[in-house]
Amino acid sequence: MPADLPADLPAVPAPASSEYRRDPVEQLQAYRLGVALTRVCRVRLLRMRADPAHAEVGPQLLRAVASIAANIAEGYSRSSVADRRKFYEYALGSAREVVVWFEALGLTESDEETTQLTSIRRLLLTMIRTTRETTAAGRRVGM
């Protein structure tokens, strides 16, 4: 545990075991960035937990940021392109919600979290556009 964190804080979960890394969803950069962003935000919020303003916003931020990777994973598992796109759109909605919580916490454009979130949003927009084009063309995207 980093020296600047109190000893009584719960440990941040370790990266998934190699067994989980064999899951094809791990190949999606947006998913990997979402998981990493969840870990980074959790550590940052643990450091900021003494501030009463963060007591209310922090849990909402963690739920929203965790739902990004969760929705990508669920969408990736869907066999229907329309279902897959729906979950990618949910993930994009969660990413946009995170922007609101970042602003409430005063995180700036120079923060690593904001940079990661921008990358996730761009990737999700591309994934959604691709699934729309696939649906329009009548093709099915394999998992």
N, C-alpha and C. Protein backbone atom coordinates (compact mmCIF):
# COMPACT_ATOMS: atom_id res chain seq x y z
N MET A 1 0.85 -1.17 0.00
CA MET A 1 0.00 0.00 0.00
C MET A 1 0.90 1.23 0.00
N PRO A 2 0.55 2.24 -0.81
CA PRO A 2 1.38 3.45 -0.85
C PRO A 2 1.50 4.09 0.52
N ALA A 3 2.63 4.71 0.78
CA ALA A 3 2.93 5.28 2.10
C ALA A 3 2.00 6.43 2.46
N ASP A 4 1.45 7.15 1.48
CA ASP A 4 0.61 8.30 1.80
C ASP A 4 -0.84 7.93 2.11
N LEU A 5 -1.17 6.64 2.09
CA LEU A 5 -2.51 6.20 2.44
C LEU A 5 -2.52 5.65 3.85
N PRO A 6 -3.60 5.90 4.60
CA PRO A 6 -3.70 5.33 5.94
C PRO A 6 -3.68 3.80 5.88
N ALA A 7 -3.12 3.18 6.89
CA ALA A 7 -2.97 1.72 6.92
C ALA A 7 -4.31 1.00 7.00
N ASP A 8 -5.37 1.66 7.47
CA ASP A 8 -6.65 0.98 7.64
C ASP A 8 -7.50 0.94 6.38
N LEU A 9 -7.02 1.48 5.26
CA LEU A 9 -7.80 1.47 4.03
C LEU A 9 -7.76 0.08 3.41
N PRO A 10 -8.88 -0.33 2.79
CA PRO A 10 -8.86 -1.62 2.09
C PRO A 10 -7.93 -1.55 0.88
N ALA A 11 -7.32 -2.64 0.57
CA ALA A 11 -6.40 -2.69 -0.55
C ALA A 11 -7.16 -2.58 -1.86
N VAL A 12 -6.54 -1.96 -2.86
CA VAL A 12 -7.12 -1.90 -4.19
C VAL A 12 -6.96 -3.29 -4.80
N PRO A 13 -8.02 -3.82 -5.41
CA PRO A 13 -7.91 -5.16 -5.98
C PRO A 13 -6.78 -5.26 -7.00
N ALA A 14 -6.12 -6.38 -6.99
CA ALA A 14 -5.04 -6.62 -7.94
C ALA A 14 -5.63 -6.82 -9.32
N PRO A 15 -4.83 -6.63 -10.36
CA PRO A 15 -5.33 -6.91 -11.71
C PRO A 15 -5.83 -8.34 -11.79
N ALA A 16 -6.74 -8.57 -12.70
CA ALA A 16 -7.34 -9.89 -12.86
C ALA A 16 -6.27 -10.94 -13.11
N SER A 17 -6.56 -12.15 -12.67
CA SER A 17 -5.61 -13.24 -12.88
C SER A 17 -5.48 -13.53 -14.37
N SER A 18 -4.47 -14.29 -14.72
CA SER A 18 -4.26 -14.59 -16.13
C SER A 18 -5.44 -15.37 -16.71
N GLU A 19 -6.16 -16.09 -15.88
CA GLU A 19 -7.34 -16.82 -16.35
C GLU A 19 -8.38 -15.84 -16.89
N TYR A 20 -8.62 -14.76 -16.16
CA TYR A 20 -9.59 -13.76 -16.61
C TYR A 20 -9.08 -13.00 -17.81
N ARG A 21 -7.79 -12.80 -17.92
CA ARG A 21 -7.23 -12.05 -19.04
C ARG A 21 -7.41 -12.79 -20.36
N ARG A 22 -7.75 -14.06 -20.31
CA ARG A 22 -7.98 -14.80 -21.54
C ARG A 22 -9.35 -14.49 -22.13
N ASP A 23 -10.17 -13.78 -21.38
CA ASP A 23 -11.49 -13.39 -21.87
C ASP A 23 -11.30 -12.41 -23.03
N PRO A 24 -11.96 -12.64 -24.16
CA PRO A 24 -11.78 -11.74 -25.32
C PRO A 24 -12.13 -10.28 -25.05
N VAL A 25 -12.98 -10.01 -24.08
CA VAL A 25 -13.33 -8.62 -23.79
C VAL A 25 -12.09 -7.84 -23.35
N GLU A 26 -11.10 -8.52 -22.81
CA GLU A 26 -9.85 -7.88 -22.40
C GLU A 26 -9.10 -7.27 -23.58
N GLN A 27 -9.45 -7.66 -24.79
CA GLN A 27 -8.80 -7.10 -25.97
C GLN A 27 -9.31 -5.70 -26.29
N LEU A 28 -10.46 -5.34 -25.73
CA LEU A 28 -11.04 -4.02 -26.00
C LEU A 28 -10.34 -2.97 -25.16
N GLN A 29 -9.74 -2.01 -25.82
CA GLN A 29 -9.01 -0.96 -25.11
C GLN A 29 -9.94 -0.16 -24.20
N ALA A 30 -11.17 0.09 -24.65
CA ALA A 30 -12.11 0.86 -23.83
C ALA A 30 -12.41 0.12 -22.52
N TYR A 31 -12.52 -1.19 -22.59
CA TYR A 31 -12.76 -1.99 -21.38
C TYR A 31 -11.56 -1.89 -20.43
N ARG A 32 -10.36 -2.11 -20.98
CA ARG A 32 -9.15 -2.06 -20.15
C ARG A 32 -8.98 -0.68 -19.50
N LEU A 33 -9.24 0.37 -20.27
CA LEU A 33 -9.13 1.72 -19.70
C LEU A 33 -10.20 1.94 -18.63
N GLY A 34 -11.39 1.40 -18.84
CA GLY A 34 -12.45 1.53 -17.83
C GLY A 34 -12.09 0.86 -16.52
N VAL A 35 -11.51 -0.33 -16.60
CA VAL A 35 -11.07 -1.03 -15.39
C VAL A 35 -9.96 -0.24 -14.70
N ALA A 36 -9.00 0.25 -15.48
CA ALA A 36 -7.90 1.02 -14.90
C ALA A 36 -8.41 2.32 -14.27
N LEU A 37 -9.34 2.98 -14.93
CA LEU A 37 -9.89 4.22 -14.40
C LEU A 37 -10.63 3.97 -13.08
N THR A 38 -11.31 2.86 -12.99
CA THR A 38 -12.00 2.51 -11.74
C THR A 38 -11.00 2.39 -10.60
N ARG A 39 -9.89 1.72 -10.85
CA ARG A 39 -8.86 1.56 -9.81
C ARG A 39 -8.26 2.91 -9.41
N VAL A 40 -7.94 3.74 -10.41
CA VAL A 40 -7.34 5.04 -10.13
C VAL A 40 -8.29 5.92 -9.33
N CYS A 41 -9.55 5.95 -9.73
CA CYS A 41 -10.54 6.78 -9.02
C CYS A 41 -10.75 6.29 -7.60
N ARG A 42 -10.74 4.99 -7.42
CA ARG A 42 -10.93 4.45 -6.07
C ARG A 42 -9.81 4.90 -5.15
N VAL A 43 -8.58 4.81 -5.60
CA VAL A 43 -7.43 5.24 -4.79
C VAL A 43 -7.52 6.73 -4.50
N ARG A 44 -7.81 7.51 -5.53
CA ARG A 44 -7.89 8.96 -5.33
C ARG A 44 -8.99 9.31 -4.32
N LEU A 45 -10.13 8.67 -4.43
CA LEU A 45 -11.23 8.96 -3.50
C LEU A 45 -10.89 8.52 -2.08
N LEU A 46 -10.17 7.45 -1.95
CA LEU A 46 -9.75 7.02 -0.61
C LEU A 46 -8.83 8.06 0.02
N ARG A 47 -8.00 8.68 -0.79
CA ARG A 47 -7.11 9.73 -0.29
C ARG A 47 -7.89 10.98 0.09
N MET A 48 -9.00 11.22 -0.58
CA MET A 48 -9.77 12.44 -0.37
C MET A 48 -10.95 12.23 0.58
N ARG A 49 -11.07 11.08 1.18
CA ARG A 49 -12.28 10.75 1.94
C ARG A 49 -12.50 11.61 3.17
N ALA A 50 -11.50 12.28 3.67
CA ALA A 50 -11.67 13.12 4.85
C ALA A 50 -12.50 14.37 4.54
N ASP A 51 -12.55 14.76 3.29
CA ASP A 51 -13.31 15.95 2.89
C ASP A 51 -14.80 15.60 2.83
N PRO A 52 -15.64 16.28 3.64
CA PRO A 52 -17.07 15.96 3.66
C PRO A 52 -17.76 16.11 2.30
N ALA A 53 -17.28 17.01 1.47
CA ALA A 53 -17.89 17.19 0.15
C ALA A 53 -17.74 15.94 -0.70
N HIS A 54 -16.67 15.20 -0.49
CA HIS A 54 -16.43 14.00 -1.28
C HIS A 54 -17.20 12.80 -0.75
N ALA A 55 -17.69 12.88 0.47
CA ALA A 55 -18.44 11.77 1.05
C ALA A 55 -19.71 11.50 0.26
N GLU A 56 -20.31 12.53 -0.27
CA GLU A 56 -21.55 12.37 -1.04
C GLU A 56 -21.28 12.04 -2.50
N VAL A 57 -20.33 12.73 -3.09
CA VAL A 57 -20.06 12.56 -4.51
C VAL A 57 -19.24 11.30 -4.79
N GLY A 58 -18.33 10.96 -3.90
CA GLY A 58 -17.43 9.82 -4.12
C GLY A 58 -18.11 8.52 -4.48
N PRO A 59 -19.08 8.06 -3.68
CA PRO A 59 -19.74 6.79 -4.02
C PRO A 59 -20.47 6.84 -5.36
N GLN A 60 -21.04 7.98 -5.69
CA GLN A 60 -21.72 8.11 -6.97
C GLN A 60 -20.72 8.04 -8.12
N LEU A 61 -19.57 8.66 -7.93
CA LEU A 61 -18.52 8.60 -8.94
C LEU A 61 -18.06 7.16 -9.13
N LEU A 62 -17.81 6.45 -8.04
CA LEU A 62 -17.33 5.07 -8.17
C LEU A 62 -18.35 4.17 -8.87
N ARG A 63 -19.63 4.33 -8.55
CA ARG A 63 -20.65 3.53 -9.23
C ARG A 63 -20.66 3.83 -10.73
N ALA A 64 -20.59 5.11 -11.07
CA ALA A 64 -20.63 5.48 -12.48
C ALA A 64 -19.40 4.99 -13.24
N VAL A 65 -18.22 5.17 -12.64
CA VAL A 65 -16.99 4.78 -13.34
C VAL A 65 -16.91 3.26 -13.47
N ALA A 66 -17.35 2.53 -12.45
CA ALA A 66 -17.32 1.06 -12.53
C ALA A 66 -18.31 0.54 -13.57
N SER A 67 -19.40 1.25 -13.77
CA SER A 67 -20.39 0.78 -14.73
C SER A 67 -19.92 0.93 -16.17
N ILE A 68 -18.89 1.73 -16.41
CA ILE A 68 -18.36 1.86 -17.77
C ILE A 68 -17.85 0.49 -18.24
N ALA A 69 -16.89 -0.07 -17.52
CA ALA A 69 -16.32 -1.37 -17.90
C ALA A 69 -17.36 -2.47 -17.81
N ALA A 70 -18.24 -2.40 -16.80
CA ALA A 70 -19.26 -3.44 -16.64
C ALA A 70 -20.21 -3.47 -17.85
N ASN A 71 -20.62 -2.31 -18.33
CA ASN A 71 -21.51 -2.27 -19.48
C ASN A 71 -20.81 -2.67 -20.77
N ILE A 72 -19.54 -2.33 -20.90
CA ILE A 72 -18.79 -2.78 -22.07
C ILE A 72 -18.71 -4.30 -22.08
N ALA A 73 -18.40 -4.87 -20.92
CA ALA A 73 -18.29 -6.33 -20.83
C ALA A 73 -19.63 -7.00 -21.13
N GLU A 74 -20.70 -6.45 -20.57
CA GLU A 74 -22.01 -7.05 -20.82
C GLU A 74 -22.40 -6.92 -22.29
N GLY A 75 -22.16 -5.76 -22.86
CA GLY A 75 -22.48 -5.56 -24.27
C GLY A 75 -21.68 -6.46 -25.19
N TYR A 76 -20.41 -6.62 -24.87
CA TYR A 76 -19.54 -7.46 -25.70
C TYR A 76 -20.04 -8.90 -25.72
N SER A 77 -20.71 -9.31 -24.65
CA SER A 77 -21.20 -10.68 -24.53
C SER A 77 -22.50 -10.92 -25.28
N ARG A 78 -23.13 -9.89 -25.78
CA ARG A 78 -24.41 -10.03 -26.47
C ARG A 78 -24.20 -10.48 -27.91
N SER A 79 -25.05 -11.38 -28.36
CA SER A 79 -24.93 -11.87 -29.73
C SER A 79 -25.61 -10.94 -30.73
N SER A 80 -26.57 -10.18 -30.30
CA SER A 80 -27.26 -9.24 -31.17
C SER A 80 -26.48 -7.92 -31.24
N VAL A 81 -26.27 -7.44 -32.45
CA VAL A 81 -25.56 -6.18 -32.64
C VAL A 81 -26.32 -5.05 -31.96
N ALA A 82 -27.65 -5.07 -32.06
CA ALA A 82 -28.46 -4.02 -31.44
C ALA A 82 -28.30 -4.05 -29.91
N ASP A 83 -28.28 -5.25 -29.32
CA ASP A 83 -28.07 -5.35 -27.87
C ASP A 83 -26.68 -4.87 -27.49
N ARG A 84 -25.69 -5.25 -28.29
CA ARG A 84 -24.32 -4.84 -28.01
C ARG A 84 -24.22 -3.31 -28.01
N ARG A 85 -24.80 -2.70 -29.03
CA ARG A 85 -24.78 -1.24 -29.14
C ARG A 85 -25.48 -0.60 -27.95
N LYS A 86 -26.58 -1.17 -27.50
CA LYS A 86 -27.32 -0.61 -26.36
C LYS A 86 -26.44 -0.55 -25.12
N PHE A 87 -25.69 -1.60 -24.85
CA PHE A 87 -24.82 -1.59 -23.67
C PHE A 87 -23.62 -0.66 -23.85
N TYR A 88 -23.12 -0.54 -25.07
CA TYR A 88 -22.05 0.43 -25.32
C TYR A 88 -22.59 1.85 -25.10
N GLU A 89 -23.84 2.07 -25.47
CA GLU A 89 -24.46 3.38 -25.23
C GLU A 89 -24.65 3.62 -23.73
N TYR A 90 -25.00 2.58 -22.98
CA TYR A 90 -25.09 2.71 -21.51
C TYR A 90 -23.72 3.10 -20.94
N ALA A 91 -22.67 2.44 -21.45
CA ALA A 91 -21.30 2.75 -20.99
C ALA A 91 -20.95 4.21 -21.30
N LEU A 92 -21.34 4.68 -22.48
CA LEU A 92 -21.09 6.08 -22.84
C LEU A 92 -21.85 7.02 -21.91
N GLY A 93 -23.08 6.65 -21.58
CA GLY A 93 -23.85 7.46 -20.62
C GLY A 93 -23.18 7.52 -19.27
N SER A 94 -22.63 6.40 -18.82
CA SER A 94 -21.90 6.38 -17.55
C SER A 94 -20.65 7.24 -17.64
N ALA A 95 -19.95 7.18 -18.77
CA ALA A 95 -18.76 8.01 -18.95
C ALA A 95 -19.12 9.50 -18.89
N ARG A 96 -20.25 9.85 -19.46
CA ARG A 96 -20.69 11.25 -19.40
C ARG A 96 -21.09 11.64 -17.99
N GLU A 97 -21.67 10.70 -17.25
CA GLU A 97 -22.00 10.97 -15.85
C GLU A 97 -20.73 11.21 -15.04
N VAL A 98 -19.68 10.44 -15.32
CA VAL A 98 -18.41 10.59 -14.62
C VAL A 98 -17.86 12.01 -14.83
N VAL A 99 -18.04 12.56 -16.02
CA VAL A 99 -17.59 13.93 -16.28
C VAL A 99 -18.22 14.89 -15.27
N VAL A 100 -19.50 14.71 -15.00
CA VAL A 100 -20.20 15.58 -14.04
C VAL A 100 -19.58 15.44 -12.65
N TRP A 101 -19.30 14.21 -12.23
CA TRP A 101 -18.72 14.00 -10.90
C TRP A 101 -17.29 14.50 -10.84
N PHE A 102 -16.54 14.36 -11.93
CA PHE A 102 -15.19 14.93 -11.97
C PHE A 102 -15.25 16.43 -11.75
N GLU A 103 -16.19 17.09 -12.44
CA GLU A 103 -16.33 18.53 -12.28
C GLU A 103 -16.73 18.89 -10.86
N ALA A 104 -17.61 18.09 -10.26
CA ALA A 104 -18.03 18.34 -8.88
C ALA A 104 -16.86 18.21 -7.91
N LEU A 105 -15.91 17.34 -8.23
CA LEU A 105 -14.73 17.14 -7.39
C LEU A 105 -13.60 18.11 -7.73
N GLY A 106 -13.77 18.88 -8.78
CA GLY A 106 -12.75 19.85 -9.15
C GLY A 106 -11.57 19.25 -9.90
N LEU A 107 -11.74 18.09 -10.51
CA LEU A 107 -10.67 17.50 -11.30
C LEU A 107 -10.55 18.30 -12.59
N THR A 108 -9.32 18.53 -13.03
CA THR A 108 -9.09 19.39 -14.18
C THR A 108 -8.67 18.59 -15.39
N GLU A 109 -8.58 19.28 -16.51
CA GLU A 109 -8.20 18.65 -17.77
C GLU A 109 -6.82 18.00 -17.72
N SER A 110 -5.97 18.46 -16.82
CA SER A 110 -4.61 17.92 -16.77
C SER A 110 -4.54 16.62 -15.97
N ASP A 111 -5.61 16.26 -15.30
CA ASP A 111 -5.59 15.05 -14.49
C ASP A 111 -5.58 13.80 -15.36
N GLU A 112 -4.86 12.80 -14.90
CA GLU A 112 -4.78 11.52 -15.61
C GLU A 112 -6.16 10.92 -15.82
N GLU A 113 -7.02 11.05 -14.82
CA GLU A 113 -8.36 10.48 -14.92
C GLU A 113 -9.15 11.11 -16.07
N THR A 114 -9.04 12.41 -16.24
CA THR A 114 -9.76 13.09 -17.31
C THR A 114 -9.25 12.65 -18.67
N THR A 115 -7.95 12.47 -18.78
CA THR A 115 -7.36 12.00 -20.04
C THR A 115 -7.86 10.60 -20.37
N GLN A 116 -7.87 9.71 -19.38
CA GLN A 116 -8.37 8.35 -19.60
C GLN A 116 -9.84 8.38 -19.99
N LEU A 117 -10.61 9.19 -19.32
CA LEU A 117 -12.04 9.26 -19.61
C LEU A 117 -12.29 9.77 -21.03
N THR A 118 -11.51 10.73 -21.47
CA THR A 118 -11.65 11.23 -22.84
C THR A 118 -11.37 10.12 -23.84
N SER A 119 -10.34 9.33 -23.59
CA SER A 119 -10.02 8.20 -24.46
C SER A 119 -11.16 7.18 -24.49
N ILE A 120 -11.71 6.88 -23.33
CA ILE A 120 -12.82 5.92 -23.24
C ILE A 120 -14.01 6.43 -24.05
N ARG A 121 -14.35 7.70 -23.89
CA ARG A 121 -15.50 8.26 -24.61
C ARG A 121 -15.29 8.20 -26.12
N ARG A 122 -14.10 8.52 -26.59
CA ARG A 122 -13.82 8.46 -28.02
C ARG A 122 -13.92 7.03 -28.55
N LEU A 123 -13.37 6.09 -27.79
CA LEU A 123 -13.44 4.68 -28.21
C LEU A 123 -14.88 4.19 -28.24
N LEU A 124 -15.66 4.56 -27.23
CA LEU A 124 -17.06 4.14 -27.20
C LEU A 124 -17.85 4.73 -28.37
N LEU A 125 -17.60 5.98 -28.68
CA LEU A 125 -18.29 6.59 -29.82
C LEU A 125 -17.97 5.84 -31.11
N THR A 126 -16.72 5.42 -31.25
CA THR A 126 -16.33 4.64 -32.43
C THR A 126 -17.01 3.28 -32.42
N MET A 127 -17.04 2.63 -31.26
CA MET A 127 -17.69 1.31 -31.16
C MET A 127 -19.18 1.41 -31.49
N ILE A 128 -19.82 2.45 -30.99
CA ILE A 128 -21.25 2.63 -31.25
C ILE A 128 -21.49 2.91 -32.74
N ARG A 129 -20.68 3.79 -33.31
CA ARG A 129 -20.81 4.09 -34.74
C ARG A 129 -20.62 2.83 -35.58
N THR A 130 -19.63 2.02 -35.22
CA THR A 130 -19.36 0.79 -35.96
C THR A 130 -20.54 -0.17 -35.88
N THR A 131 -21.14 -0.31 -34.71
CA THR A 131 -22.28 -1.21 -34.59
C THR A 131 -23.49 -0.66 -35.35
N ARG A 132 -23.65 0.66 -35.39
CA ARG A 132 -24.74 1.24 -36.18
C ARG A 132 -24.54 0.96 -37.67
N GLU A 133 -23.31 1.14 -38.13
CA GLU A 133 -23.01 0.89 -39.54
C GLU A 133 -23.19 -0.58 -39.88
N THR A 134 -22.82 -1.45 -38.95
CA THR A 134 -22.98 -2.88 -39.16
C THR A 134 -24.46 -3.24 -39.26
N THR A 135 -25.27 -2.67 -38.39
CA THR A 135 -26.70 -2.93 -38.42
C THR A 135 -27.30 -2.40 -39.72
N ALA A 136 -26.90 -1.21 -40.13
CA ALA A 136 -27.42 -0.61 -41.36
C ALA A 136 -27.04 -1.44 -42.58
N ALA A 137 -25.87 -2.04 -42.56
CA ALA A 137 -25.40 -2.83 -43.69
C ALA A 137 -25.96 -4.25 -43.64
N GLY A 138 -26.62 -4.60 -42.54
CA GLY A 138 -27.21 -5.93 -42.42
C GLY A 138 -26.22 -7.03 -42.11
N ARG A 139 -25.04 -6.64 -41.66
CA ARG A 139 -24.02 -7.62 -41.30
C ARG A 139 -24.04 -7.86 -39.81
N ARG A 140 -23.45 -8.96 -39.42
CA ARG A 140 -23.34 -9.30 -38.01
C ARG A 140 -21.88 -9.26 -37.61
N VAL A 141 -21.58 -8.59 -36.49
CA VAL A 141 -20.21 -8.49 -35.99
C VAL A 141 -19.97 -9.68 -35.07
N GLY A 142 -18.91 -10.43 -35.29
CA GLY A 142 -18.59 -11.55 -34.41
C GLY A 142 -18.02 -11.10 -33.11
N MET A 143 -18.10 -11.98 -32.11
CA MET A 143 -17.58 -11.64 -30.77
C MET A 143 -16.18 -12.07 -30.67
